[in-house]
Amino acid sequence: MINRDNWRIVNDFLKYRKDRKHLSEKSLRLERTWLQHTLLWLGEKPIESAPKIRPVFSDYVLCLKDSNYSAEYVRKLVSTNKRFFEWVSVHKDGYKQKLPIDWLDDLTVPRLPEKEKEHEYVSYDEILQIAHAPVESLRDQRIQAAAILWFLSGIRIGAFVTLPIKAVNLDDLEIYQFPSLGVQTKFKKSGTTDLLNLSDLLEIPKRWDRLVRSQLPDSSFWFAPLSPDTGTFDRSITAIGANRSQRAYKDLKDWLERVGLPFRSPHKFRHGYATYCMNHYKELPQLKAFSQNLMHSSITITDSIYGVLSNASKKKNLLMLNPEKPEEKTELVQKLDELIRLIKQNTPNNSE
């Protein structure tokens, strides 16, 4: 059984996270799910009993039957649990002494062995296959154009499905991720996203763009709603439902299965964009530019998420270093060497 007072305090905490920390509905749902474990761990005991409960929360999570949680998921459970108790200690009267600081400090994430995994993303070869895959319906055309735009822009799926037509400017290779236009971006950030100028891919989203502009007003969604009965544009839908992202996910899965291509979730196209940029942009201004395109607050965040090389890329880069083979001089260094040699030839000997 769950203590009802504990349940009410959890709801107060989530309201605080929404009102004061401006968490999105998706983030709130996740935190509510994670805190359900805290409520089950407390059971009928009041919150002030937490320091005496055994096993401690982190051990409790690891001992859950058939949990098989990843190290990252356990980290999120324990981190959210700690954040909750810290909030209770500060914001709820009478709990500061009942939840001592030394106990709060001990709420640490357990060290867990991480499973080796290959970085998953949509490769350039895969997006070319998607670009050349057959389409049989308007729904197929829509998801093909969407998938390619995800790769060219790195846009998040939640923002993409809320893009109005007027927020897409393919002539200038720009997408306007402006909440003022109704685009639902993460943390309500606003920014202009520049598309990769890959001519072998651009024609497909441009074709879809011309179609929706010829049929719908520019306030309609670029990922235009379709009628399940007729398969044509449904002009009656003017608002995005809570499951709109799932519609894109399901359409992609269905279409890729029918054309015999491996399924990648929409977010893996964002990973594909980032990986393509990491492989082609080496200078700091370029890296900074594509980090901003991903709407990250710093290049450090971009590198921490996407900077992990695949095993193949790691090996390729390491094999480039051969201590037994002198490094080849670049063209600039060769020119500088030649210039220094000429200067020496035309400089009088100082001893004369």
Protein backbone atom coordinates (compact mmCIF):
# COMPACT_ATOMS: atom_id res chain seq x y z
CA MET A 1 0.00 0.00 0.00
CA ILE A 2 1.10 3.58 -0.69
CA ASN A 3 0.90 6.22 2.04
CA ARG A 4 -1.57 8.86 0.82
CA ASP A 5 0.32 11.72 2.49
CA ASN A 6 3.46 10.66 0.60
CA TRP A 7 1.45 10.60 -2.62
CA ARG A 8 0.20 14.15 -1.98
CA ILE A 9 3.73 15.40 -1.32
CA VAL A 10 4.94 13.82 -4.57
CA ASN A 11 2.18 15.68 -6.40
CA ASP A 12 3.24 18.93 -4.70
CA PHE A 13 6.81 18.28 -5.84
CA LEU A 14 5.75 17.66 -9.43
CA LYS A 15 3.64 20.84 -9.40
CA TYR A 16 6.72 22.73 -8.20
CA ARG A 17 8.79 21.18 -10.99
CA LYS A 18 6.19 22.27 -13.54
CA ASP A 19 5.52 25.79 -12.22
CA ARG A 20 8.97 26.80 -11.02
CA LYS A 21 11.33 24.69 -13.13
CA HIS A 22 9.12 24.75 -16.25
CA LEU A 23 9.38 21.03 -16.99
CA SER A 24 7.58 19.83 -20.09
CA GLU A 25 4.65 17.43 -19.84
CA LYS A 26 6.86 14.63 -21.13
CA SER A 27 9.51 15.25 -18.45
CA LEU A 28 6.82 15.42 -15.77
CA ARG A 29 5.39 12.07 -16.87
CA LEU A 30 8.86 10.53 -16.64
CA GLU A 31 9.50 11.94 -13.17
CA ARG A 32 6.08 10.74 -12.00
CA THR A 33 6.97 7.24 -13.23
CA TRP A 34 10.34 7.31 -11.48
CA LEU A 35 8.85 8.60 -8.23
CA GLN A 36 6.35 5.74 -8.27
CA HIS A 37 9.33 3.58 -7.26
CA THR A 38 9.98 5.93 -4.33
CA LEU A 39 6.37 5.62 -3.18
CA LEU A 40 6.48 1.83 -3.42
CA TRP A 41 9.78 1.78 -1.51
CA LEU A 42 8.26 3.90 1.28
CA GLY A 43 5.10 1.81 1.30
CA GLU A 44 2.85 2.77 4.23
CA LYS A 45 5.71 4.42 6.12
CA PRO A 46 5.76 8.24 6.29
CA ILE A 47 8.50 10.17 4.48
CA GLU A 48 10.39 10.93 7.72
CA SER A 49 11.04 7.18 8.08
CA ALA A 50 13.12 7.13 4.87
CA PRO A 51 16.59 7.34 6.54
CA LYS A 52 15.82 4.16 8.52
CA ILE A 53 14.32 2.06 5.73
CA ARG A 54 16.37 -0.95 4.61
CA PRO A 55 17.36 -1.76 2.01
CA VAL A 56 18.26 1.79 1.00
CA PHE A 57 16.56 3.03 -2.15
CA SER A 58 19.45 2.33 -4.57
CA ASP A 59 19.76 -1.26 -3.31
CA TYR A 60 15.97 -1.64 -3.44
CA VAL A 61 15.95 -0.66 -7.13
CA LEU A 62 18.70 -3.14 -7.95
CA CYS A 63 16.86 -5.93 -6.12
CA LEU A 64 13.55 -5.48 -7.90
CA LYS A 65 12.45 -8.77 -9.41
CA ASP A 66 12.95 -8.98 -13.17
CA SER A 67 13.91 -5.27 -13.31
CA ASN A 68 16.95 -5.64 -15.58
CA TYR A 69 17.25 -1.85 -15.61
CA SER A 70 20.10 -0.24 -17.48
CA ALA A 71 22.75 1.71 -15.59
CA GLU A 72 21.35 4.92 -17.07
CA TYR A 73 17.80 4.13 -15.92
CA VAL A 74 18.97 3.34 -12.38
CA ARG A 75 20.87 6.63 -12.37
CA LYS A 76 17.69 8.52 -13.28
CA LEU A 77 15.66 6.70 -10.62
CA VAL A 78 18.14 7.43 -7.85
CA SER A 79 18.81 11.01 -8.98
CA THR A 80 15.08 11.82 -9.07
CA ASN A 81 14.61 10.14 -5.68
CA LYS A 82 17.39 12.29 -4.19
CA ARG A 83 16.05 15.48 -5.80
CA PHE A 84 12.63 14.75 -4.29
CA PHE A 85 13.89 14.24 -0.74
CA GLU A 86 16.09 17.35 -0.96
CA TRP A 87 13.03 19.34 -2.03
CA VAL A 88 10.96 17.93 0.83
CA SER A 89 13.69 18.87 3.31
CA VAL A 90 13.77 22.48 2.09
CA HIS A 91 10.15 23.20 1.13
CA LYS A 92 8.05 21.21 3.58
CA ASP A 93 7.79 22.43 7.16
CA GLY A 94 9.24 20.15 9.81
CA TYR A 95 11.23 17.89 7.49
CA LYS A 96 14.64 19.58 7.65
CA GLN A 97 15.50 17.83 10.91
CA LYS A 98 13.77 14.59 9.94
CA LEU A 99 15.81 14.25 6.73
CA PRO A 100 19.35 15.09 7.91
CA ILE A 101 21.90 16.49 5.48
CA ASP A 102 24.35 13.61 5.97
CA TRP A 103 21.64 11.14 4.92
CA LEU A 104 20.78 13.23 1.85
CA ASP A 105 24.47 13.34 0.90
CA ASP A 106 24.61 9.55 1.03
CA LEU A 107 21.89 9.19 -1.61
CA THR A 108 24.34 8.38 -4.35
CA VAL A 109 24.00 6.52 -7.62
CA PRO A 110 25.50 3.01 -7.35
CA ARG A 111 28.32 2.11 -9.70
CA LEU A 112 27.08 -0.39 -12.24
CA PRO A 113 28.89 -2.17 -15.06
CA GLU A 114 27.87 -0.63 -18.36
CA LYS A 115 26.94 -2.84 -21.26
CA GLU A 116 29.04 -2.30 -24.33
CA LYS A 117 26.91 -0.84 -27.07
CA GLU A 118 27.53 0.57 -30.50
CA HIS A 119 26.41 4.13 -31.13
CA GLU A 120 23.21 3.82 -33.18
CA TYR A 121 22.37 6.36 -35.85
CA VAL A 122 21.11 6.66 -39.41
CA SER A 123 24.13 6.64 -41.71
CA TYR A 124 24.46 8.56 -44.95
CA ASP A 125 24.17 5.30 -46.90
CA GLU A 126 20.96 4.46 -45.05
CA ILE A 127 19.38 7.83 -45.76
CA LEU A 128 20.24 7.40 -49.44
CA GLN A 129 18.42 4.06 -49.40
CA ILE A 130 15.43 5.76 -47.78
CA ALA A 131 15.52 8.48 -50.44
CA HIS A 132 15.37 5.87 -53.22
CA ALA A 133 12.78 3.60 -51.58
CA PRO A 134 9.41 3.27 -53.38
CA VAL A 135 6.33 5.13 -52.13
CA GLU A 136 2.77 4.05 -52.84
CA SER A 137 0.60 6.60 -51.09
CA LEU A 138 0.44 10.14 -49.75
CA ARG A 139 1.23 8.75 -46.32
CA ASP A 140 4.39 7.13 -47.69
CA GLN A 141 5.41 10.37 -49.39
CA ARG A 142 4.88 12.27 -46.15
CA ILE A 143 7.01 9.98 -43.99
CA GLN A 144 9.78 9.74 -46.61
CA ALA A 145 10.01 13.54 -46.80
CA ALA A 146 9.88 13.74 -43.00
CA ALA A 147 12.69 11.23 -42.50
CA ILE A 148 14.99 13.04 -44.90
CA LEU A 149 14.24 16.40 -43.28
CA TRP A 150 15.09 14.89 -39.87
CA PHE A 151 18.48 13.85 -41.22
CA LEU A 152 19.17 17.16 -42.97
CA SER A 153 18.25 19.28 -39.97
CA GLY A 154 18.74 17.24 -36.80
CA ILE A 155 15.35 18.49 -35.60
CA ARG A 156 13.68 16.76 -32.66
CA ILE A 157 10.51 14.86 -33.49
CA GLY A 158 8.39 16.87 -31.04
CA ALA A 159 9.33 20.13 -32.73
CA PHE A 160 9.03 18.66 -36.22
CA VAL A 161 5.40 17.52 -35.95
CA THR A 162 4.39 21.02 -34.81
CA LEU A 163 6.13 22.90 -37.65
CA PRO A 164 3.70 25.05 -39.62
CA ILE A 165 4.39 25.30 -43.35
CA LYS A 166 5.53 28.90 -42.91
CA ALA A 167 8.30 27.73 -40.57
CA VAL A 168 9.94 25.71 -43.38
CA ASN A 169 12.04 27.62 -45.93
CA LEU A 170 13.73 25.05 -48.14
CA ASP A 171 14.82 27.63 -50.72
CA ASP A 172 17.13 29.15 -48.11
CA LEU A 173 17.73 25.80 -46.37
CA GLU A 174 16.21 27.05 -43.12
CA ILE A 175 13.71 25.88 -40.52
CA TYR A 176 12.35 28.39 -38.03
CA GLN A 177 11.97 26.64 -34.69
CA PHE A 178 10.09 29.51 -33.10
CA PRO A 179 7.62 28.86 -30.25
CA SER A 180 5.92 32.06 -31.42
CA LEU A 181 4.95 30.11 -34.55
CA GLY A 182 3.59 27.25 -32.46
CA VAL A 183 6.71 25.05 -32.71
CA GLN A 184 7.06 22.97 -29.55
CA THR A 185 10.80 22.99 -28.91
CA LYS A 186 12.63 21.55 -25.91
CA PHE A 187 12.73 24.08 -23.06
CA LYS A 188 10.83 26.44 -25.41
CA LYS A 189 14.06 27.49 -27.08
CA SER A 190 13.91 29.54 -30.25
CA GLY A 191 16.32 29.27 -33.16
CA THR A 192 16.84 29.05 -36.90
CA THR A 193 18.03 25.63 -38.06
CA ASP A 194 20.13 25.42 -41.22
CA LEU A 195 19.80 22.31 -43.37
CA LEU A 196 22.66 20.30 -44.82
CA ASN A 197 23.02 21.24 -48.47
CA LEU A 198 22.91 17.71 -49.87
CA SER A 199 21.34 17.95 -53.32
CA ASP A 200 20.87 14.18 -53.64
CA LEU A 201 18.46 14.32 -50.68
CA LEU A 202 16.84 17.74 -50.83
CA GLU A 203 14.57 17.15 -53.81
CA ILE A 204 12.25 14.80 -51.88
CA PRO A 205 11.32 17.20 -49.04
CA LYS A 206 11.13 20.00 -51.65
CA ARG A 207 8.62 17.96 -53.64
CA TRP A 208 6.50 17.44 -50.53
CA ASP A 209 6.88 21.12 -49.65
CA ARG A 210 5.52 22.17 -53.04
CA LEU A 211 2.59 19.79 -52.60
CA VAL A 212 1.49 20.97 -49.15
CA ARG A 213 1.87 24.63 -50.15
CA SER A 214 -0.35 24.07 -53.18
CA GLN A 215 -3.06 22.38 -51.09
CA LEU A 216 -2.94 23.99 -47.65
CA PRO A 217 -2.54 27.42 -46.02
CA ASP A 218 0.89 28.25 -44.60
CA SER A 219 -0.53 28.02 -41.07
CA SER A 220 -1.18 24.28 -41.60
CA PHE A 221 1.31 21.68 -40.45
CA TRP A 222 4.15 20.67 -42.75
CA PHE A 223 3.62 17.10 -41.50
CA ALA A 224 0.09 17.50 -42.78
CA PRO A 225 -2.73 15.47 -41.15
CA LEU A 226 -4.26 12.85 -43.44
CA SER A 227 -7.74 11.40 -43.40
CA PRO A 228 -7.74 7.69 -42.39
CA ASP A 229 -10.75 7.18 -44.67
CA THR A 230 -9.64 8.87 -47.89
CA GLY A 231 -5.85 9.05 -47.43
CA THR A 232 -5.94 12.70 -48.53
CA PHE A 233 -5.22 15.88 -46.58
CA ASP A 234 -7.56 16.44 -43.66
CA ARG A 235 -8.11 20.20 -43.52
CA SER A 236 -10.38 19.95 -40.47
CA ILE A 237 -7.42 19.22 -38.14
CA THR A 238 -5.92 22.48 -36.91
CA ALA A 239 -4.32 21.36 -33.63
CA ILE A 240 -1.70 18.77 -32.78
CA GLY A 241 -2.75 15.86 -30.56
CA ALA A 242 -0.66 14.42 -27.73
CA ASN A 243 0.19 11.34 -29.84
CA ARG A 244 1.28 13.14 -33.00
CA SER A 245 4.90 12.07 -32.58
CA GLN A 246 3.74 8.46 -32.30
CA ARG A 247 1.93 8.82 -35.62
CA ALA A 248 5.24 9.65 -37.31
CA TYR A 249 6.96 6.79 -35.47
CA LYS A 250 4.33 4.24 -36.56
CA ASP A 251 4.24 5.48 -40.15
CA LEU A 252 8.00 5.22 -40.41
CA LYS A 253 8.07 1.70 -38.95
CA ASP A 254 5.29 0.51 -41.25
CA TRP A 255 6.80 2.00 -44.40
CA LEU A 256 10.37 0.80 -43.76
CA GLU A 257 9.12 -2.73 -43.09
CA ARG A 258 7.17 -2.73 -46.36
CA VAL A 259 10.15 -1.54 -48.43
CA GLY A 260 12.57 -3.93 -46.68
CA LEU A 261 14.74 -1.38 -44.87
CA PRO A 262 15.84 -1.58 -41.21
CA PHE A 263 13.84 0.54 -38.79
CA ARG A 264 15.46 3.40 -36.90
CA SER A 265 13.49 5.55 -34.50
CA PRO A 266 13.02 9.22 -35.47
CA HIS A 267 15.61 10.33 -32.90
CA LYS A 268 18.26 8.19 -34.62
CA PHE A 269 17.95 10.52 -37.63
CA ARG A 270 18.99 13.37 -35.34
CA HIS A 271 21.94 11.19 -34.28
CA GLY A 272 22.64 10.61 -37.97
CA TYR A 273 22.74 14.35 -38.64
CA ALA A 274 25.11 14.90 -35.71
CA THR A 275 27.39 12.02 -36.71
CA TYR A 276 27.54 13.22 -40.32
CA CYS A 277 28.55 16.67 -39.09
CA MET A 278 31.13 15.28 -36.65
CA ASN A 279 32.72 13.33 -39.50
CA HIS A 280 32.83 16.26 -41.93
CA TYR A 281 33.32 19.35 -39.78
CA LYS A 282 36.69 19.55 -38.06
CA GLU A 283 37.23 23.26 -37.40
CA LEU A 284 35.96 24.79 -34.15
CA PRO A 285 33.63 27.34 -35.83
CA GLN A 286 32.03 24.52 -37.83
CA LEU A 287 31.56 22.38 -34.72
CA LYS A 288 30.10 25.34 -32.87
CA ALA A 289 27.73 26.03 -35.76
CA PHE A 290 26.26 22.54 -35.88
CA SER A 291 26.04 22.46 -32.07
CA GLN A 292 23.89 25.59 -32.26
CA ASN A 293 21.90 23.96 -35.04
CA LEU A 294 21.06 21.15 -32.62
CA MET A 295 19.90 23.91 -30.23
CA HIS A 296 22.39 22.86 -27.56
CA SER A 297 23.49 25.50 -25.07
CA SER A 298 27.16 24.57 -25.51
CA ILE A 299 29.44 22.50 -27.70
CA THR A 300 30.37 20.49 -24.59
CA ILE A 301 26.84 19.07 -24.49
CA THR A 302 27.04 18.15 -28.18
CA ASP A 303 30.36 16.38 -27.73
CA SER A 304 29.20 14.48 -24.63
CA ILE A 305 26.17 13.11 -26.51
CA TYR A 306 27.48 12.60 -30.04
CA GLY A 307 31.26 12.69 -29.66
CA VAL A 308 31.59 8.99 -28.81
CA LEU A 309 33.07 7.29 -31.85
CA SER A 310 31.83 3.97 -33.12
CA ASN A 311 34.29 1.11 -32.80
CA ALA A 312 35.00 1.30 -36.53
CA SER A 313 35.62 5.06 -36.46
CA LYS A 314 37.76 4.76 -33.36
CA LYS A 315 39.94 2.12 -34.98
CA LYS A 316 40.23 4.14 -38.20
CA ASN A 317 41.42 7.22 -36.32
CA LEU A 318 43.92 5.29 -34.19
CA LEU A 319 45.41 3.51 -37.20
CA MET A 320 46.09 6.88 -38.80
CA LEU A 321 48.94 7.25 -36.29
CA ASN A 322 51.94 5.23 -37.42
CA PRO A 323 55.09 6.03 -35.39
CA GLU A 324 57.28 4.18 -37.88
CA LYS A 325 56.11 6.36 -40.76
CA PRO A 326 56.99 10.07 -40.78
CA GLU A 327 54.01 12.34 -41.10
CA GLU A 328 53.48 13.71 -44.58
CA LYS A 329 53.92 17.42 -44.85
CA THR A 330 50.90 19.44 -45.68
CA GLU A 331 50.92 21.69 -48.72
CA LEU A 332 51.20 24.78 -46.51
CA VAL A 333 54.20 23.39 -44.60
CA GLN A 334 55.90 22.46 -47.87
CA LYS A 335 55.42 26.00 -49.17
CA LEU A 336 56.83 27.46 -45.95
CA ASP A 337 59.87 25.18 -46.19
CA GLU A 338 60.45 26.31 -49.76
CA LEU A 339 60.11 29.97 -48.78
CA ILE A 340 62.62 29.58 -45.92
CA ARG A 341 65.09 27.86 -48.31
CA LEU A 342 64.82 30.73 -50.80
CA ILE A 343 65.29 33.32 -48.07
CA LYS A 344 68.41 31.57 -46.88
CA GLN A 345 69.81 31.46 -50.41
CA ASN A 346 69.34 35.21 -50.84
CA THR A 347 70.53 36.27 -47.40
CA PRO A 348 74.23 37.42 -47.15
CA ASN A 349 76.36 35.37 -44.80
CA ASN A 350 76.64 37.22 -41.48
CA SER A 351 80.35 36.31 -41.18
CA GLU A 352 81.24 38.20 -44.38
